Amino acid sequence: MKEKILGVDVCVDSYEGLITKILEDIDQKRKSLIVAINPEKIMKAQEDPDLHRLLNSATYQIPDGIGVILASKLKKGSIRNRITGIDMMLKLCEAARDHHKKVFLYGAKPGVAETAKRELEAMYPGIEIVGTMDGYQKNQEVVKDAINQSQADILFVAMGSPAQENWILANMNDIFPSIFQGVGGSFDVISGNLKRAPKGFQSLGLEWLYRLLKEPWRWKRQLILPAFLVKALRD
């Protein structure tokens, strides 16, 4: 089940509901794309038809942003749980370990995916991370061959949005995995290169405030939230 917020689809499922559907997709060999949705992307999609089509072409649009939750509440919708891109990735890694599914990490700077692999193996003992590739490999046939030879079920792509989603859509039918998720800077967070907001900020949906306190020059980007909520309410 999905809701539309300013014309962009957003899933209402919980983590558990999504994991159940995704494991079923793997077993049925269905190709599925997971994309994170936040107010900034929705607002950009209002002016960018290509981005709008990209977001709505995904199988699962997860509500990554407290603004999406607030917009749903204002419109008496059903989205109540924020599902962040990195937490979705970690939940999928846990499920991969528990259900014997294979994972491949592609993207980020040289060495980052390999470090993230080691960290994930420590977090989820027994997980099968069957390959890594940094985002600086220019030969796409080399990239696709490595992914195909690994026979991974789940591919995480860390290139930044929407580049990662565009790459996935352009290549997903030519490569082995069933599940594709663009994860932005998640490899850097997992490997320890970037610090995530403390748990208290995360649980309250205030990671944006933590980033603003750490990087005050981001204040102009935060003005998108009130503009988004007003536009969503009027829609």
C-alpha atoms as a PDB file:
ATOM      1  CA  MET A   1       0.000   0.000   0.000  1.00  0.00           C
ATOM      2  CA  LYS A   2       1.229   3.496  -0.873  1.00  0.00           C
ATOM      3  CA  GLU A   3       0.235   7.125  -0.400  1.00  0.00           C
ATOM      4  CA  LYS A   4       0.857   9.955  -2.822  1.00  0.00           C
ATOM      5  CA  ILE A   5       2.461  13.103  -1.458  1.00  0.00           C
ATOM      6  CA  LEU A   6       2.590  15.840  -4.088  1.00  0.00           C
ATOM      7  CA  GLY A   7       2.340  13.142  -6.732  1.00  0.00           C
ATOM      8  CA  VAL A   8       5.195  11.018  -5.344  1.00  0.00           C
ATOM      9  CA  ASP A   9       4.468   7.498  -4.102  1.00  0.00           C
ATOM     10  CA  VAL A  10       5.479   6.640  -0.532  1.00  0.00           C
ATOM     11  CA  CYS A  11       5.130   3.203   1.107  1.00  0.00           C
ATOM     12  CA  VAL A  12       3.196   2.878   4.346  1.00  0.00           C
ATOM     13  CA  ASP A  13       4.843  -0.449   5.319  1.00  0.00           C
ATOM     14  CA  SER A  14       6.898  -0.988   8.468  1.00  0.00           C
ATOM     15  CA  TYR A  15      10.463  -2.338   8.334  1.00  0.00           C
ATOM     16  CA  GLU A  16       9.090  -5.813   9.033  1.00  0.00           C
ATOM     17  CA  GLY A  17       6.509  -5.583   6.259  1.00  0.00           C
ATOM     18  CA  LEU A  18       9.108  -4.406   3.765  1.00  0.00           C
ATOM     19  CA  ILE A  19      11.590  -7.136   4.694  1.00  0.00           C
ATOM     20  CA  THR A  20       8.905  -9.801   4.217  1.00  0.00           C
ATOM     21  CA  LYS A  21       8.073  -8.480   0.741  1.00  0.00           C
ATOM     22  CA  ILE A  22      11.727  -8.109  -0.237  1.00  0.00           C
ATOM     23  CA  LEU A  23      12.623 -11.674   0.793  1.00  0.00           C
ATOM     24  CA  GLU A  24       9.663 -12.843  -1.286  1.00  0.00           C
ATOM     25  CA  ASP A  25      10.974 -10.814  -4.239  1.00  0.00           C
ATOM     26  CA  ILE A  26      14.342 -12.563  -3.957  1.00  0.00           C
ATOM     27  CA  ASP A  27      12.737 -16.008  -3.808  1.00  0.00           C
ATOM     28  CA  GLN A  28      10.552 -15.181  -6.827  1.00  0.00           C
ATOM     29  CA  LYS A  29      13.492 -13.596  -8.723  1.00  0.00           C
ATOM     30  CA  ARG A  30      11.626 -10.281  -9.006  1.00  0.00           C
ATOM     31  CA  LYS A  31      13.731  -7.183  -9.658  1.00  0.00           C
ATOM     32  CA  SER A  32      12.977  -4.503  -7.049  1.00  0.00           C
ATOM     33  CA  LEU A  33      14.341  -1.013  -6.414  1.00  0.00           C
ATOM     34  CA  ILE A  34      14.256   0.692  -3.019  1.00  0.00           C
ATOM     35  CA  VAL A  35      14.481   4.490  -3.007  1.00  0.00           C
ATOM     36  CA  ALA A  36      14.477   6.857  -0.019  1.00  0.00           C
ATOM     37  CA  ILE A  37      11.936   9.696  -0.158  1.00  0.00           C
ATOM     38  CA  ASN A  38      12.361  12.985   1.723  1.00  0.00           C
ATOM     39  CA  PRO A  39      10.863  16.492   1.362  1.00  0.00           C
ATOM     40  CA  GLU A  40      13.843  17.756  -0.626  1.00  0.00           C
ATOM     41  CA  LYS A  41      13.434  15.045  -3.272  1.00  0.00           C
ATOM     42  CA  ILE A  42       9.676  15.551  -3.450  1.00  0.00           C
ATOM     43  CA  MET A  43      10.080  19.299  -3.938  1.00  0.00           C
ATOM     44  CA  LYS A  44      12.740  18.791  -6.625  1.00  0.00           C
ATOM     45  CA  ALA A  45      10.443  16.318  -8.368  1.00  0.00           C
ATOM     46  CA  GLN A  46       7.823  19.066  -8.752  1.00  0.00           C
ATOM     47  CA  GLU A  47      10.175  20.826 -11.186  1.00  0.00           C
ATOM     48  CA  ASP A  48      11.985  17.788 -12.610  1.00  0.00           C
ATOM     49  CA  PRO A  49       9.794  15.314 -14.544  1.00  0.00           C
ATOM     50  CA  ASP A  50      12.693  12.867 -14.922  1.00  0.00           C
ATOM     51  CA  LEU A  51      13.233  12.741 -11.163  1.00  0.00           C
ATOM     52  CA  HIS A  52       9.477  12.395 -10.639  1.00  0.00           C
ATOM     53  CA  ARG A  53       9.366   9.383 -12.985  1.00  0.00           C
ATOM     54  CA  LEU A  54      12.462   7.889 -11.353  1.00  0.00           C
ATOM     55  CA  LEU A  55      10.989   8.060  -7.849  1.00  0.00           C
ATOM     56  CA  ASN A  56       7.653   6.596  -8.896  1.00  0.00           C
ATOM     57  CA  SER A  57       9.312   3.829 -10.929  1.00  0.00           C
ATOM     58  CA  ALA A  58      10.783   2.313  -7.744  1.00  0.00           C
ATOM     59  CA  THR A  59       9.187  -0.750  -6.185  1.00  0.00           C
ATOM     60  CA  TYR A  60       9.529   0.553  -2.640  1.00  0.00           C
ATOM     61  CA  GLN A  61       9.639   4.270  -1.744  1.00  0.00           C
ATOM     62  CA  ILE A  62      10.611   4.478   1.915  1.00  0.00           C
ATOM     63  CA  PRO A  63       9.682   7.566   4.014  1.00  0.00           C
ATOM     64  CA  ASP A  64      13.165   8.805   4.914  1.00  0.00           C
ATOM     65  CA  GLY A  65      12.466  12.231   6.402  1.00  0.00           C
ATOM     66  CA  ILE A  66      10.340  13.472   9.297  1.00  0.00           C
ATOM     67  CA  GLY A  67       8.694  15.936   6.899  1.00  0.00           C
ATOM     68  CA  VAL A  68       7.111  13.043   4.980  1.00  0.00           C
ATOM     69  CA  ILE A  69       5.620  11.704   8.232  1.00  0.00           C
ATOM     70  CA  LEU A  70       4.269  15.151   9.155  1.00  0.00           C
ATOM     71  CA  ALA A  71       2.766  15.639   5.688  1.00  0.00           C
ATOM     72  CA  SER A  72       0.999  12.283   5.925  1.00  0.00           C
ATOM     73  CA  LYS A  73      -0.399  13.146   9.364  1.00  0.00           C
ATOM     74  CA  LEU A  74      -1.614  16.554   8.156  1.00  0.00           C
ATOM     75  CA  LYS A  75      -3.422  14.846   5.293  1.00  0.00           C
ATOM     76  CA  LYS A  76      -4.801  12.137   7.627  1.00  0.00           C
ATOM     77  CA  GLY A  77      -2.692   9.498   5.916  1.00  0.00           C
ATOM     78  CA  SER A  78      -1.252   6.265   7.306  1.00  0.00           C
ATOM     79  CA  ILE A  79       2.523   6.809   7.241  1.00  0.00           C
ATOM     80  CA  ARG A  80       3.695   6.782  10.845  1.00  0.00           C
ATOM     81  CA  ASN A  81       7.164   5.252  10.823  1.00  0.00           C
ATOM     82  CA  ARG A  82      10.254   6.904   9.443  1.00  0.00           C
ATOM     83  CA  ILE A  83      12.359   4.396   7.507  1.00  0.00           C
ATOM     84  CA  THR A  84      15.835   5.767   6.865  1.00  0.00           C
ATOM     85  CA  GLY A  85      18.011   4.599   4.004  1.00  0.00           C
ATOM     86  CA  ILE A  86      20.855   3.423   6.234  1.00  0.00           C
ATOM     87  CA  ASP A  87      18.540   1.625   8.665  1.00  0.00           C
ATOM     88  CA  MET A  88      16.802  -0.090   5.746  1.00  0.00           C
ATOM     89  CA  MET A  89      20.222  -1.224   4.556  1.00  0.00           C
ATOM     90  CA  LEU A  90      21.129  -2.562   7.997  1.00  0.00           C
ATOM     91  CA  LYS A  91      17.783  -4.358   8.349  1.00  0.00           C
ATOM     92  CA  LEU A  92      18.364  -5.941   4.951  1.00  0.00           C
ATOM     93  CA  CYS A  93      21.861  -7.041   5.996  1.00  0.00           C
ATOM     94  CA  GLU A  94      20.406  -8.647   9.116  1.00  0.00           C
ATOM     95  CA  ALA A  95      17.742 -10.411   7.026  1.00  0.00           C
ATOM     96  CA  ALA A  96      20.392 -11.498   4.501  1.00  0.00           C
ATOM     97  CA  ARG A  97      22.376 -13.084   7.328  1.00  0.00           C
ATOM     98  CA  ASP A  98      19.298 -14.809   8.774  1.00  0.00           C
ATOM     99  CA  HIS A  99      17.961 -16.057   5.412  1.00  0.00           C
ATOM    100  CA  HIS A 100      21.261 -16.881   3.671  1.00  0.00           C
ATOM    101  CA  LYS A 101      21.061 -14.179   0.993  1.00  0.00           C
ATOM    102  CA  LYS A 102      24.193 -12.753  -0.622  1.00  0.00           C
ATOM    103  CA  VAL A 103      25.169  -9.065  -0.569  1.00  0.00           C
ATOM    104  CA  PHE A 104      27.382  -6.914  -2.829  1.00  0.00           C
ATOM    105  CA  LEU A 105      28.619  -3.380  -1.997  1.00  0.00           C
ATOM    106  CA  TYR A 106      29.275  -1.031  -4.935  1.00  0.00           C
ATOM    107  CA  GLY A 107      30.341   2.612  -4.788  1.00  0.00           C
ATOM    108  CA  ALA A 108      32.101   5.196  -2.596  1.00  0.00           C
ATOM    109  CA  LYS A 109      35.820   6.011  -2.640  1.00  0.00           C
ATOM    110  CA  PRO A 110      38.488   3.304  -2.950  1.00  0.00           C
ATOM    111  CA  GLY A 111      38.740   1.256   0.247  1.00  0.00           C
ATOM    112  CA  VAL A 112      35.468   2.465   1.797  1.00  0.00           C
ATOM    113  CA  ALA A 113      33.263  -0.422   0.615  1.00  0.00           C
ATOM    114  CA  GLU A 114      35.876  -2.927   1.785  1.00  0.00           C
ATOM    115  CA  THR A 115      35.986  -1.309   5.241  1.00  0.00           C
ATOM    116  CA  ALA A 116      32.182  -1.255   5.368  1.00  0.00           C
ATOM    117  CA  LYS A 117      32.222  -4.969   4.478  1.00  0.00           C
ATOM    118  CA  ARG A 118      34.444  -5.752   7.464  1.00  0.00           C
ATOM    119  CA  GLU A 119      32.250  -3.680   9.788  1.00  0.00           C
ATOM    120  CA  LEU A 120      29.067  -5.374   8.557  1.00  0.00           C
ATOM    121  CA  GLU A 121      30.667  -8.799   8.987  1.00  0.00           C
ATOM    122  CA  ALA A 122      31.423  -7.856  12.608  1.00  0.00           C
ATOM    123  CA  MET A 123      27.864  -6.551  13.135  1.00  0.00           C
ATOM    124  CA  TYR A 124      26.186  -9.567  11.513  1.00  0.00           C
ATOM    125  CA  PRO A 125      28.415 -12.628  11.963  1.00  0.00           C
ATOM    126  CA  GLY A 126      27.764 -15.128   9.205  1.00  0.00           C
ATOM    127  CA  ILE A 127      26.573 -12.574   6.631  1.00  0.00           C
ATOM    128  CA  GLU A 128      27.711 -13.389   3.077  1.00  0.00           C
ATOM    129  CA  ILE A 129      29.129 -10.211   1.524  1.00  0.00           C
ATOM    130  CA  VAL A 130      30.324 -11.730  -1.711  1.00  0.00           C
ATOM    131  CA  GLY A 131      31.976  -8.697  -3.268  1.00  0.00           C
ATOM    132  CA  THR A 132      32.858  -5.012  -3.180  1.00  0.00           C
ATOM    133  CA  MET A 133      33.731  -2.479  -5.864  1.00  0.00           C
ATOM    134  CA  ASP A 134      34.537   1.210  -5.439  1.00  0.00           C
ATOM    135  CA  GLY A 135      32.707   3.839  -7.471  1.00  0.00           C
ATOM    136  CA  TYR A 136      35.816   4.923  -9.363  1.00  0.00           C
ATOM    137  CA  GLN A 137      35.989   1.913 -11.675  1.00  0.00           C
ATOM    138  CA  LYS A 138      35.252   3.456 -15.084  1.00  0.00           C
ATOM    139  CA  ASN A 139      34.800   0.227 -17.021  1.00  0.00           C
ATOM    140  CA  GLN A 140      31.163  -0.679 -16.464  1.00  0.00           C
ATOM    141  CA  GLU A 141      31.607  -4.134 -17.957  1.00  0.00           C
ATOM    142  CA  VAL A 142      34.153  -4.869 -15.210  1.00  0.00           C
ATOM    143  CA  VAL A 143      31.646  -3.707 -12.596  1.00  0.00           C
ATOM    144  CA  LYS A 144      28.772  -5.760 -14.023  1.00  0.00           C
ATOM    145  CA  ASP A 145      30.922  -8.854 -14.498  1.00  0.00           C
ATOM    146  CA  ALA A 146      32.061  -8.702 -10.856  1.00  0.00           C
ATOM    147  CA  ILE A 147      28.476  -8.356  -9.627  1.00  0.00           C
ATOM    148  CA  ASN A 148      27.226 -11.175 -11.877  1.00  0.00           C
ATOM    149  CA  GLN A 149      30.028 -13.552 -10.928  1.00  0.00           C
ATOM    150  CA  SER A 150      29.277 -12.948  -7.233  1.00  0.00           C
ATOM    151  CA  GLN A 151      25.631 -14.042  -7.751  1.00  0.00           C
ATOM    152  CA  ALA A 152      24.591 -11.568  -5.070  1.00  0.00           C
ATOM    153  CA  ASP A 153      20.893 -11.321  -4.193  1.00  0.00           C
ATOM    154  CA  ILE A 154      21.109  -7.753  -2.860  1.00  0.00           C
ATOM    155  CA  LEU A 155      23.126  -4.882  -4.333  1.00  0.00           C
ATOM    156  CA  PHE A 156      23.751  -1.668  -2.384  1.00  0.00           C
ATOM    157  CA  VAL A 157      24.910   1.241  -4.559  1.00  0.00           C
ATOM    158  CA  ALA A 158      26.585   4.253  -2.923  1.00  0.00           C
ATOM    159  CA  MET A 159      26.871   7.052  -5.477  1.00  0.00           C
ATOM    160  CA  GLY A 160      24.577   9.763  -4.169  1.00  0.00           C
ATOM    161  CA  SER A 161      21.043  10.420  -5.378  1.00  0.00           C
ATOM    162  CA  PRO A 162      19.789  10.421  -8.111  1.00  0.00           C
ATOM    163  CA  ALA A 163      22.994   9.135  -9.783  1.00  0.00           C
ATOM    164  CA  GLN A 164      22.790   5.807  -7.923  1.00  0.00           C
ATOM    165  CA  GLU A 165      19.126   5.251  -8.839  1.00  0.00           C
ATOM    166  CA  ASN A 166      19.791   6.174 -12.473  1.00  0.00           C
ATOM    167  CA  TRP A 167      22.659   3.670 -12.553  1.00  0.00           C
ATOM    168  CA  ILE A 168      20.442   0.982 -11.059  1.00  0.00           C
ATOM    169  CA  LEU A 169      17.603   1.570 -13.527  1.00  0.00           C
ATOM    170  CA  ALA A 170      20.039   1.529 -16.448  1.00  0.00           C
ATOM    171  CA  ASN A 171      21.693  -1.743 -15.388  1.00  0.00           C
ATOM    172  CA  MET A 172      19.368  -3.782 -13.161  1.00  0.00           C
ATOM    173  CA  ASN A 173      18.045  -5.967 -15.977  1.00  0.00           C
ATOM    174  CA  ASP A 174      21.594  -6.915 -17.027  1.00  0.00           C
ATOM    175  CA  ILE A 175      22.880  -8.027 -13.644  1.00  0.00           C
ATOM    176  CA  PHE A 176      22.128 -10.899 -11.280  1.00  0.00           C
ATOM    177  CA  PRO A 177      20.758  -9.308  -8.058  1.00  0.00           C
ATOM    178  CA  SER A 178      17.044  -9.066  -7.356  1.00  0.00           C
ATOM    179  CA  ILE A 179      17.124  -6.236  -4.803  1.00  0.00           C
ATOM    180  CA  PHE A 180      18.721  -2.855  -5.453  1.00  0.00           C
ATOM    181  CA  GLN A 181      19.052   0.037  -3.003  1.00  0.00           C
ATOM    182  CA  GLY A 182      20.837   3.340  -3.456  1.00  0.00           C
ATOM    183  CA  VAL A 183      22.394   4.134  -0.085  1.00  0.00           C
ATOM    184  CA  GLY A 184      24.197   7.477  -0.529  1.00  0.00           C
ATOM    185  CA  GLY A 185      26.863   7.940   2.148  1.00  0.00           C
ATOM    186  CA  SER A 186      25.934   4.836   4.153  1.00  0.00           C
ATOM    187  CA  PHE A 187      29.216   3.026   3.416  1.00  0.00           C
ATOM    188  CA  ASP A 188      31.088   6.010   4.877  1.00  0.00           C
ATOM    189  CA  VAL A 189      28.905   5.978   8.004  1.00  0.00           C
ATOM    190  CA  ILE A 190      29.266   2.220   8.494  1.00  0.00           C
ATOM    191  CA  SER A 191      33.037   2.375   7.923  1.00  0.00           C
ATOM    192  CA  GLY A 192      33.371   5.213  10.466  1.00  0.00           C
ATOM    193  CA  ASN A 193      34.338   7.996   8.042  1.00  0.00           C
ATOM    194  CA  LEU A 194      31.133   9.942   8.744  1.00  0.00           C
ATOM    195  CA  LYS A 195      29.443  10.327  12.101  1.00  0.00           C
ATOM    196  CA  ARG A 196      25.707   9.768  12.339  1.00  0.00           C
ATOM    197  CA  ALA A 197      23.474  11.804  14.632  1.00  0.00           C
ATOM    198  CA  PRO A 198      23.212  10.469  18.220  1.00  0.00           C
ATOM    199  CA  LYS A 199      20.416   7.979  18.951  1.00  0.00           C
ATOM    200  CA  GLY A 200      18.304  10.627  20.697  1.00  0.00           C
ATOM    201  CA  PHE A 201      18.195  12.796  17.576  1.00  0.00           C
ATOM    202  CA  GLN A 202      17.483   9.720  15.427  1.00  0.00           C
ATOM    203  CA  SER A 203      14.560   8.508  17.544  1.00  0.00           C
ATOM    204  CA  LEU A 204      12.916  11.942  17.476  1.00  0.00           C
ATOM    205  CA  GLY A 205      13.438  12.343  13.738  1.00  0.00           C
ATOM    206  CA  LEU A 206      15.765  15.282  14.362  1.00  0.00           C
ATOM    207  CA  GLU A 207      18.835  14.189  12.434  1.00  0.00           C
ATOM    208  CA  TRP A 208      18.301  17.283  10.273  1.00  0.00           C
ATOM    209  CA  LEU A 209      18.673  19.453  13.406  1.00  0.00           C
ATOM    210  CA  TYR A 210      21.887  17.671  14.407  1.00  0.00           C
ATOM    211  CA  ARG A 211      23.324  18.279  10.933  1.00  0.00           C
ATOM    212  CA  LEU A 212      22.253  21.916  11.125  1.00  0.00           C
ATOM    213  CA  LEU A 213      23.945  22.351  14.516  1.00  0.00           C
ATOM    214  CA  LYS A 214      27.121  20.743  13.173  1.00  0.00           C
ATOM    215  CA  GLU A 215      26.958  22.556   9.822  1.00  0.00           C
ATOM    216  CA  PRO A 216      25.108  25.883  10.273  1.00  0.00           C
ATOM    217  CA  TRP A 217      25.671  26.817   6.619  1.00  0.00           C
ATOM    218  CA  ARG A 218      22.994  24.225   5.734  1.00  0.00           C
ATOM    219  CA  TRP A 219      20.211  26.492   7.079  1.00  0.00           C
ATOM    220  CA  LYS A 220      18.914  27.467   3.638  1.00  0.00           C
ATOM    221  CA  ARG A 221      18.267  23.808   2.779  1.00  0.00           C
ATOM    222  CA  GLN A 222      16.136  23.453   5.912  1.00  0.00           C
ATOM    223  CA  LEU A 223      13.739  26.116   4.614  1.00  0.00           C
ATOM    224  CA  ILE A 224      12.441  23.460   2.229  1.00  0.00           C
ATOM    225  CA  LEU A 225      10.601  21.709   5.090  1.00  0.00           C
ATOM    226  CA  PRO A 226       8.017  24.421   5.926  1.00  0.00           C
ATOM    227  CA  ALA A 227       7.500  25.162   2.219  1.00  0.00           C
ATOM    228  CA  PHE A 228       6.984  21.451   1.590  1.00  0.00           C
ATOM    229  CA  LEU A 229       4.447  21.074   4.419  1.00  0.00           C
ATOM    230  CA  VAL A 230       2.420  24.081   3.225  1.00  0.00           C
ATOM    231  CA  LYS A 231       2.419  22.787  -0.361  1.00  0.00           C
ATOM    232  CA  ALA A 232       1.492  19.253   0.716  1.00  0.00           C
ATOM    233  CA  LEU A 233      -1.384  20.536   2.866  1.00  0.00           C
ATOM    234  CA  ARG A 234      -2.759  22.608  -0.001  1.00  0.00           C
ATOM    235  CA  ASP A 235      -2.458  19.767  -2.509  1.00  0.00           C
END
